[in-house]
Amino acid sequence: MLIKQRFVLDTSAFTDVELRNKLGDGDLTKTIENMVDLIAKARTKLNISCHMPPVTYKELIDYISLYDCPEEIKTRLDTWIVKKTPNRYETKIPSQIFYEYVRDMRERINKGMKIAEEMIWEAATESLVMKSRGHERQKIEVNTIGEAIREFRKKYRSALRKGTLDSAPDLDVLLLAKELDAGVVAADTGIKSWGERLGLRFLDATSFPKMIQEYLKYYR
């Protein structure tokens, strides 16, 4: 009997753009079909099980519903993905990790505030210049304020969200992996960064199917 291996999958383990290009020729439905085939073979032949927290699984189903994926895909996912809520009360996380997370978020908030201040000054200055040149209010709002808001959102999102845990599904993935002593599969840099801090095995979304395919070459 092969040693049991467990992996906890993030939504990005199915939806990552690079994964789609490599595994499904850019098509989401084809990518998920190929992933499910590999997961089924891994479970039946290699004693590898793939898990998702319910909140993360719902996020995946909601996502593929937007792309009108066939109902059969959802049925197959429901069959081969093990859904389990992490034990949030008993799973132990070192206090140092919590300390580092709070410090990281404080630094990101300060950075976000600085970005907001800079964008306000830029938009206000440009608006005054345009007004002094006789531009109409509507043009100022569209060309200056509207563009400033779009640029602010892009910079703010990058400052506060990139490379950290910014949602309940992300956190549940790590908690479940910690509880099950499982590997984590994702294309999310925040999950990777904090998963490694927790001492969890991490596989990039594009590496996981390659690993399964390599294992299957030697299956007898």
C-alpha atoms as a PDB file:
ATOM      1  CA  MET A   1       0.000   0.000   0.000  1.00  0.00           C
ATOM      2  CA  LEU A   2       1.379   3.398  -1.011  1.00  0.00           C
ATOM      3  CA  ILE A   3       1.887   5.980   1.724  1.00  0.00           C
ATOM      4  CA  LYS A   4      -1.079   8.331   1.953  1.00  0.00           C
ATOM      5  CA  GLN A   5      -0.435  11.797   0.567  1.00  0.00           C
ATOM      6  CA  ARG A   6      -2.831  14.731   0.969  1.00  0.00           C
ATOM      7  CA  PHE A   7      -3.008  18.047  -0.818  1.00  0.00           C
ATOM      8  CA  VAL A   8      -5.216  21.060  -0.168  1.00  0.00           C
ATOM      9  CA  LEU A   9      -6.109  22.944  -3.330  1.00  0.00           C
ATOM     10  CA  ASP A  10      -6.774  26.648  -3.699  1.00  0.00           C
ATOM     11  CA  THR A  11      -9.175  27.937  -6.371  1.00  0.00           C
ATOM     12  CA  SER A  12      -6.156  29.028  -8.412  1.00  0.00           C
ATOM     13  CA  ALA A  13      -5.083  25.369  -8.647  1.00  0.00           C
ATOM     14  CA  PHE A  14      -7.795  25.105 -11.324  1.00  0.00           C
ATOM     15  CA  THR A  15      -8.169  28.642 -12.669  1.00  0.00           C
ATOM     16  CA  ASP A  16      -4.614  29.976 -13.031  1.00  0.00           C
ATOM     17  CA  VAL A  17      -4.051  31.423 -16.511  1.00  0.00           C
ATOM     18  CA  GLU A  18      -0.645  29.766 -16.979  1.00  0.00           C
ATOM     19  CA  LEU A  19      -2.115  26.414 -15.940  1.00  0.00           C
ATOM     20  CA  ARG A  20      -4.948  26.835 -18.451  1.00  0.00           C
ATOM     21  CA  ASN A  21      -2.494  27.520 -21.244  1.00  0.00           C
ATOM     22  CA  LYS A  22      -0.394  24.461 -20.416  1.00  0.00           C
ATOM     23  CA  LEU A  23      -3.087  21.956 -19.465  1.00  0.00           C
ATOM     24  CA  GLY A  24      -6.138  23.087 -21.438  1.00  0.00           C
ATOM     25  CA  ASP A  25      -4.919  25.146 -24.398  1.00  0.00           C
ATOM     26  CA  GLY A  26      -6.370  28.222 -22.697  1.00  0.00           C
ATOM     27  CA  ASP A  27      -9.809  26.673 -22.168  1.00  0.00           C
ATOM     28  CA  LEU A  28     -11.128  26.548 -18.577  1.00  0.00           C
ATOM     29  CA  THR A  29     -13.450  23.571 -19.084  1.00  0.00           C
ATOM     30  CA  LYS A  30     -10.725  21.494 -20.726  1.00  0.00           C
ATOM     31  CA  THR A  31      -8.268  22.433 -17.976  1.00  0.00           C
ATOM     32  CA  ILE A  32     -10.632  21.347 -15.205  1.00  0.00           C
ATOM     33  CA  GLU A  33     -11.484  18.100 -17.029  1.00  0.00           C
ATOM     34  CA  ASN A  34      -7.782  17.249 -17.295  1.00  0.00           C
ATOM     35  CA  MET A  35      -7.183  18.199 -13.669  1.00  0.00           C
ATOM     36  CA  VAL A  36     -10.063  16.028 -12.461  1.00  0.00           C
ATOM     37  CA  ASP A  37      -8.767  13.100 -14.534  1.00  0.00           C
ATOM     38  CA  LEU A  38      -5.377  13.421 -12.846  1.00  0.00           C
ATOM     39  CA  ILE A  39      -6.918  13.790  -9.382  1.00  0.00           C
ATOM     40  CA  ALA A  40      -9.058  10.677  -9.925  1.00  0.00           C
ATOM     41  CA  LYS A  41      -6.052   8.632 -11.063  1.00  0.00           C
ATOM     42  CA  ALA A  42      -3.977   9.957  -8.179  1.00  0.00           C
ATOM     43  CA  ARG A  43      -6.602   8.873  -5.679  1.00  0.00           C
ATOM     44  CA  THR A  44      -7.325   5.422  -7.106  1.00  0.00           C
ATOM     45  CA  LYS A  45      -3.785   4.481  -8.103  1.00  0.00           C
ATOM     46  CA  LEU A  46      -1.414   6.515  -5.939  1.00  0.00           C
ATOM     47  CA  ASN A  47      -3.363   6.950  -2.675  1.00  0.00           C
ATOM     48  CA  ILE A  48      -3.251  10.736  -3.079  1.00  0.00           C
ATOM     49  CA  SER A  49      -6.314  12.686  -1.950  1.00  0.00           C
ATOM     50  CA  CYS A  50      -7.151  16.282  -2.827  1.00  0.00           C
ATOM     51  CA  HIS A  51      -9.056  18.452  -0.360  1.00  0.00           C
ATOM     52  CA  MET A  52     -10.696  21.875  -0.350  1.00  0.00           C
ATOM     53  CA  PRO A  53     -12.364  23.841   2.440  1.00  0.00           C
ATOM     54  CA  PRO A  54     -16.104  24.305   1.655  1.00  0.00           C
ATOM     55  CA  VAL A  55     -15.728  28.085   1.352  1.00  0.00           C
ATOM     56  CA  THR A  56     -12.914  27.629  -1.183  1.00  0.00           C
ATOM     57  CA  TYR A  57     -14.843  24.953  -3.065  1.00  0.00           C
ATOM     58  CA  LYS A  58     -17.843  27.290  -3.315  1.00  0.00           C
ATOM     59  CA  GLU A  59     -15.556  30.015  -4.652  1.00  0.00           C
ATOM     60  CA  LEU A  60     -14.389  27.591  -7.376  1.00  0.00           C
ATOM     61  CA  ILE A  61     -17.921  26.533  -8.302  1.00  0.00           C
ATOM     62  CA  ASP A  62     -19.090  30.152  -8.448  1.00  0.00           C
ATOM     63  CA  TYR A  63     -16.134  30.972 -10.686  1.00  0.00           C
ATOM     64  CA  ILE A  64     -16.686  28.186 -13.203  1.00  0.00           C
ATOM     65  CA  SER A  65     -20.423  28.943 -13.244  1.00  0.00           C
ATOM     66  CA  LEU A  66     -19.570  32.364 -14.666  1.00  0.00           C
ATOM     67  CA  TYR A  67     -17.910  30.601 -17.597  1.00  0.00           C
ATOM     68  CA  ASP A  68     -20.878  28.295 -18.228  1.00  0.00           C
ATOM     69  CA  CYS A  69     -18.893  25.117 -17.624  1.00  0.00           C
ATOM     70  CA  PRO A  70     -21.015  21.944 -18.034  1.00  0.00           C
ATOM     71  CA  GLU A  71     -22.831  20.546 -15.004  1.00  0.00           C
ATOM     72  CA  GLU A  72     -20.907  17.310 -15.515  1.00  0.00           C
ATOM     73  CA  ILE A  73     -17.727  19.155 -14.539  1.00  0.00           C
ATOM     74  CA  LYS A  74     -19.275  20.196 -11.221  1.00  0.00           C
ATOM     75  CA  THR A  75     -20.436  16.622 -10.579  1.00  0.00           C
ATOM     76  CA  ARG A  76     -16.962  15.259 -11.192  1.00  0.00           C
ATOM     77  CA  LEU A  77     -15.376  17.881  -8.945  1.00  0.00           C
ATOM     78  CA  ASP A  78     -17.884  17.050  -6.216  1.00  0.00           C
ATOM     79  CA  THR A  79     -16.958  13.364  -6.551  1.00  0.00           C
ATOM     80  CA  TRP A  80     -13.190  13.635  -6.391  1.00  0.00           C
ATOM     81  CA  ILE A  81     -12.544  16.686  -4.216  1.00  0.00           C
ATOM     82  CA  VAL A  82     -12.816  16.046  -0.476  1.00  0.00           C
ATOM     83  CA  LYS A  83     -14.567  18.957   1.240  1.00  0.00           C
ATOM     84  CA  LYS A  84     -13.612  19.602   4.850  1.00  0.00           C
ATOM     85  CA  THR A  85     -13.858  22.622   7.109  1.00  0.00           C
ATOM     86  CA  PRO A  86     -10.610  23.198   9.038  1.00  0.00           C
ATOM     87  CA  ASN A  87     -10.741  22.946  12.794  1.00  0.00           C
ATOM     88  CA  ARG A  88     -10.172  26.628  13.485  1.00  0.00           C
ATOM     89  CA  TYR A  89     -10.339  26.184  17.265  1.00  0.00           C
ATOM     90  CA  GLU A  90      -7.738  23.469  17.718  1.00  0.00           C
ATOM     91  CA  THR A  91      -5.298  23.969  14.829  1.00  0.00           C
ATOM     92  CA  LYS A  92      -2.247  25.550  16.432  1.00  0.00           C
ATOM     93  CA  ILE A  93      -0.479  28.478  14.751  1.00  0.00           C
ATOM     94  CA  PRO A  94       2.762  29.854  16.286  1.00  0.00           C
ATOM     95  CA  SER A  95       2.279  33.296  17.821  1.00  0.00           C
ATOM     96  CA  GLN A  96       5.286  34.507  15.812  1.00  0.00           C
ATOM     97  CA  ILE A  97       3.291  33.951  12.605  1.00  0.00           C
ATOM     98  CA  PHE A  98       0.423  36.043  13.966  1.00  0.00           C
ATOM     99  CA  TYR A  99       2.890  38.758  14.982  1.00  0.00           C
ATOM    100  CA  GLU A 100       4.469  38.800  11.508  1.00  0.00           C
ATOM    101  CA  TYR A 101       1.052  38.955   9.838  1.00  0.00           C
ATOM    102  CA  VAL A 102      -0.079  41.938  11.915  1.00  0.00           C
ATOM    103  CA  ARG A 103       3.206  43.745  11.238  1.00  0.00           C
ATOM    104  CA  ASP A 104       2.927  43.002   7.513  1.00  0.00           C
ATOM    105  CA  MET A 105      -0.641  44.332   7.352  1.00  0.00           C
ATOM    106  CA  ARG A 106       0.322  47.472   9.304  1.00  0.00           C
ATOM    107  CA  GLU A 107       3.089  48.195   6.792  1.00  0.00           C
ATOM    108  CA  ARG A 108       0.693  47.624   3.885  1.00  0.00           C
ATOM    109  CA  ILE A 109      -1.941  49.936   5.399  1.00  0.00           C
ATOM    110  CA  ASN A 110       0.655  52.688   5.828  1.00  0.00           C
ATOM    111  CA  LYS A 111       1.792  52.182   2.249  1.00  0.00           C
ATOM    112  CA  GLY A 112      -1.815  52.320   1.047  1.00  0.00           C
ATOM    113  CA  MET A 113      -2.374  55.576   2.940  1.00  0.00           C
ATOM    114  CA  LYS A 114       0.736  57.107   1.340  1.00  0.00           C
ATOM    115  CA  ILE A 115      -0.494  56.094  -2.116  1.00  0.00           C
ATOM    116  CA  ALA A 116      -3.887  57.694  -1.383  1.00  0.00           C
ATOM    117  CA  GLU A 117      -2.259  60.961  -0.276  1.00  0.00           C
ATOM    118  CA  GLU A 118      -0.067  61.099  -3.388  1.00  0.00           C
ATOM    119  CA  MET A 119      -2.973  60.440  -5.736  1.00  0.00           C
ATOM    120  CA  ILE A 120      -5.134  63.099  -4.039  1.00  0.00           C
ATOM    121  CA  TRP A 121      -2.386  65.722  -4.433  1.00  0.00           C
ATOM    122  CA  GLU A 122      -1.805  64.784  -8.077  1.00  0.00           C
ATOM    123  CA  ALA A 123      -5.513  64.819  -8.944  1.00  0.00           C
ATOM    124  CA  ALA A 124      -6.122  68.092  -7.089  1.00  0.00           C
ATOM    125  CA  THR A 125      -3.160  69.826  -8.756  1.00  0.00           C
ATOM    126  CA  GLU A 126      -4.109  68.628 -12.243  1.00  0.00           C
ATOM    127  CA  SER A 127      -7.750  69.622 -11.678  1.00  0.00           C
ATOM    128  CA  LEU A 128      -6.734  73.164 -10.673  1.00  0.00           C
ATOM    129  CA  VAL A 129      -4.493  73.481 -13.726  1.00  0.00           C
ATOM    130  CA  MET A 130      -7.248  72.296 -16.056  1.00  0.00           C
ATOM    131  CA  LYS A 131      -9.782  74.637 -14.421  1.00  0.00           C
ATOM    132  CA  SER A 132      -7.434  77.603 -14.811  1.00  0.00           C
ATOM    133  CA  ARG A 133      -7.220  76.818 -18.511  1.00  0.00           C
ATOM    134  CA  GLY A 134     -10.962  76.906 -18.854  1.00  0.00           C
ATOM    135  CA  HIS A 135     -11.748  73.200 -19.110  1.00  0.00           C
ATOM    136  CA  GLU A 136     -15.314  72.162 -18.289  1.00  0.00           C
ATOM    137  CA  ARG A 137     -16.072  70.344 -15.021  1.00  0.00           C
ATOM    138  CA  GLN A 138     -17.182  67.178 -16.822  1.00  0.00           C
ATOM    139  CA  LYS A 139     -13.889  66.950 -18.705  1.00  0.00           C
ATOM    140  CA  ILE A 140     -11.943  67.453 -15.486  1.00  0.00           C
ATOM    141  CA  GLU A 141     -13.925  64.682 -13.754  1.00  0.00           C
ATOM    142  CA  VAL A 142     -13.449  62.227 -16.624  1.00  0.00           C
ATOM    143  CA  ASN A 143      -9.857  62.932 -17.608  1.00  0.00           C
ATOM    144  CA  THR A 144      -8.298  63.756 -14.264  1.00  0.00           C
ATOM    145  CA  ILE A 145     -10.353  62.465 -11.357  1.00  0.00           C
ATOM    146  CA  GLY A 146     -11.539  59.321 -13.149  1.00  0.00           C
ATOM    147  CA  GLU A 147      -8.014  58.409 -14.236  1.00  0.00           C
ATOM    148  CA  ALA A 148      -6.682  59.119 -10.730  1.00  0.00           C
ATOM    149  CA  ILE A 149      -9.255  56.766  -9.220  1.00  0.00           C
ATOM    150  CA  ARG A 150      -8.345  53.976 -11.672  1.00  0.00           C
ATOM    151  CA  GLU A 151      -4.627  54.413 -10.988  1.00  0.00           C
ATOM    152  CA  PHE A 152      -5.215  54.550  -7.231  1.00  0.00           C
ATOM    153  CA  ARG A 153      -7.207  51.297  -7.258  1.00  0.00           C
ATOM    154  CA  LYS A 154      -4.437  49.513  -9.159  1.00  0.00           C
ATOM    155  CA  LYS A 155      -1.661  50.708  -6.849  1.00  0.00           C
ATOM    156  CA  TYR A 156      -3.719  50.251  -3.683  1.00  0.00           C
ATOM    157  CA  ARG A 157      -4.680  46.692  -4.616  1.00  0.00           C
ATOM    158  CA  SER A 158      -1.055  45.817  -5.281  1.00  0.00           C
ATOM    159  CA  ALA A 159       0.112  47.391  -2.019  1.00  0.00           C
ATOM    160  CA  LEU A 160      -2.478  45.785   0.244  1.00  0.00           C
ATOM    161  CA  ARG A 161      -3.306  42.456  -1.386  1.00  0.00           C
ATOM    162  CA  LYS A 162      -0.376  41.152  -3.423  1.00  0.00           C
ATOM    163  CA  GLY A 163       1.697  38.607  -1.525  1.00  0.00           C
ATOM    164  CA  THR A 164      -0.489  38.312   1.564  1.00  0.00           C
ATOM    165  CA  LEU A 165      -3.618  36.544   2.802  1.00  0.00           C
ATOM    166  CA  ASP A 166      -6.585  38.702   1.885  1.00  0.00           C
ATOM    167  CA  SER A 167      -9.594  36.377   2.068  1.00  0.00           C
ATOM    168  CA  ALA A 168     -11.231  33.700   4.220  1.00  0.00           C
ATOM    169  CA  PRO A 169     -10.772  31.002   1.518  1.00  0.00           C
ATOM    170  CA  ASP A 170      -7.008  31.662   1.457  1.00  0.00           C
ATOM    171  CA  LEU A 171      -6.743  31.318   5.232  1.00  0.00           C
ATOM    172  CA  ASP A 172      -8.888  28.171   5.298  1.00  0.00           C
ATOM    173  CA  VAL A 173      -6.608  26.529   2.730  1.00  0.00           C
ATOM    174  CA  LEU A 174      -3.607  26.998   5.015  1.00  0.00           C
ATOM    175  CA  LEU A 175      -5.447  25.996   8.191  1.00  0.00           C
ATOM    176  CA  LEU A 176      -6.727  22.789   6.586  1.00  0.00           C
ATOM    177  CA  ALA A 177      -3.288  21.948   5.214  1.00  0.00           C
ATOM    178  CA  LYS A 178      -1.799  22.496   8.667  1.00  0.00           C
ATOM    179  CA  GLU A 179      -4.452  20.299  10.263  1.00  0.00           C
ATOM    180  CA  LEU A 180      -4.024  17.462   7.735  1.00  0.00           C
ATOM    181  CA  ASP A 181      -0.242  17.821   7.434  1.00  0.00           C
ATOM    182  CA  ALA A 182      -0.897  18.238   3.716  1.00  0.00           C
ATOM    183  CA  GLY A 183       0.778  19.995   0.843  1.00  0.00           C
ATOM    184  CA  VAL A 184      -0.709  23.190  -0.597  1.00  0.00           C
ATOM    185  CA  VAL A 185      -1.401  23.707  -4.301  1.00  0.00           C
ATOM    186  CA  ALA A 186      -1.965  27.276  -5.511  1.00  0.00           C
ATOM    187  CA  ALA A 187      -0.825  30.027  -7.853  1.00  0.00           C
ATOM    188  CA  ASP A 188      -1.310  32.668  -5.167  1.00  0.00           C
ATOM    189  CA  THR A 189       1.858  34.356  -3.886  1.00  0.00           C
ATOM    190  CA  GLY A 190       0.233  35.177  -0.538  1.00  0.00           C
ATOM    191  CA  ILE A 191      -0.657  31.536   0.100  1.00  0.00           C
ATOM    192  CA  LYS A 192       2.862  30.515  -0.938  1.00  0.00           C
ATOM    193  CA  SER A 193       4.549  33.059   1.322  1.00  0.00           C
ATOM    194  CA  TRP A 194       2.517  32.323   4.460  1.00  0.00           C
ATOM    195  CA  GLY A 195       2.361  28.592   3.772  1.00  0.00           C
ATOM    196  CA  GLU A 196       6.145  28.439   3.750  1.00  0.00           C
ATOM    197  CA  ARG A 197       6.227  30.414   7.002  1.00  0.00           C
ATOM    198  CA  LEU A 198       4.019  27.700   8.483  1.00  0.00           C
ATOM    199  CA  GLY A 199       6.392  25.002   7.258  1.00  0.00           C
ATOM    200  CA  LEU A 200       3.924  23.613   4.717  1.00  0.00           C
ATOM    201  CA  ARG A 201       4.896  21.895   1.499  1.00  0.00           C
ATOM    202  CA  PHE A 202       3.939  24.150  -1.418  1.00  0.00           C
ATOM    203  CA  LEU A 203       3.404  23.262  -5.074  1.00  0.00           C
ATOM    204  CA  ASP A 204       2.699  25.825  -7.747  1.00  0.00           C
ATOM    205  CA  ALA A 205      -0.519  25.235  -9.703  1.00  0.00           C
ATOM    206  CA  THR A 206       1.438  24.385 -12.858  1.00  0.00           C
ATOM    207  CA  SER A 207       3.768  21.976 -11.023  1.00  0.00           C
ATOM    208  CA  PHE A 208       1.092  19.826  -9.389  1.00  0.00           C
ATOM    209  CA  PRO A 209      -0.232  18.108 -12.555  1.00  0.00           C
ATOM    210  CA  LYS A 210       3.352  17.526 -13.708  1.00  0.00           C
ATOM    211  CA  MET A 211       4.107  15.803 -10.405  1.00  0.00           C
ATOM    212  CA  ILE A 212       1.067  13.527 -10.720  1.00  0.00           C
ATOM    213  CA  GLN A 213       1.977  12.680 -14.319  1.00  0.00           C
ATOM    214  CA  GLU A 214       5.525  11.835 -13.249  1.00  0.00           C
ATOM    215  CA  TYR A 215       4.271   9.593 -10.433  1.00  0.00           C
ATOM    216  CA  LEU A 216       1.937   7.784 -12.837  1.00  0.00           C
ATOM    217  CA  LYS A 217       4.829   6.910 -15.159  1.00  0.00           C
ATOM    218  CA  TYR A 218       6.158   4.566 -12.481  1.00  0.00           C
ATOM    219  CA  TYR A 219       2.839   3.151 -11.321  1.00  0.00           C
ATOM    220  CA  ARG A 220       2.585  -0.629 -11.634  1.00  0.00           C
END
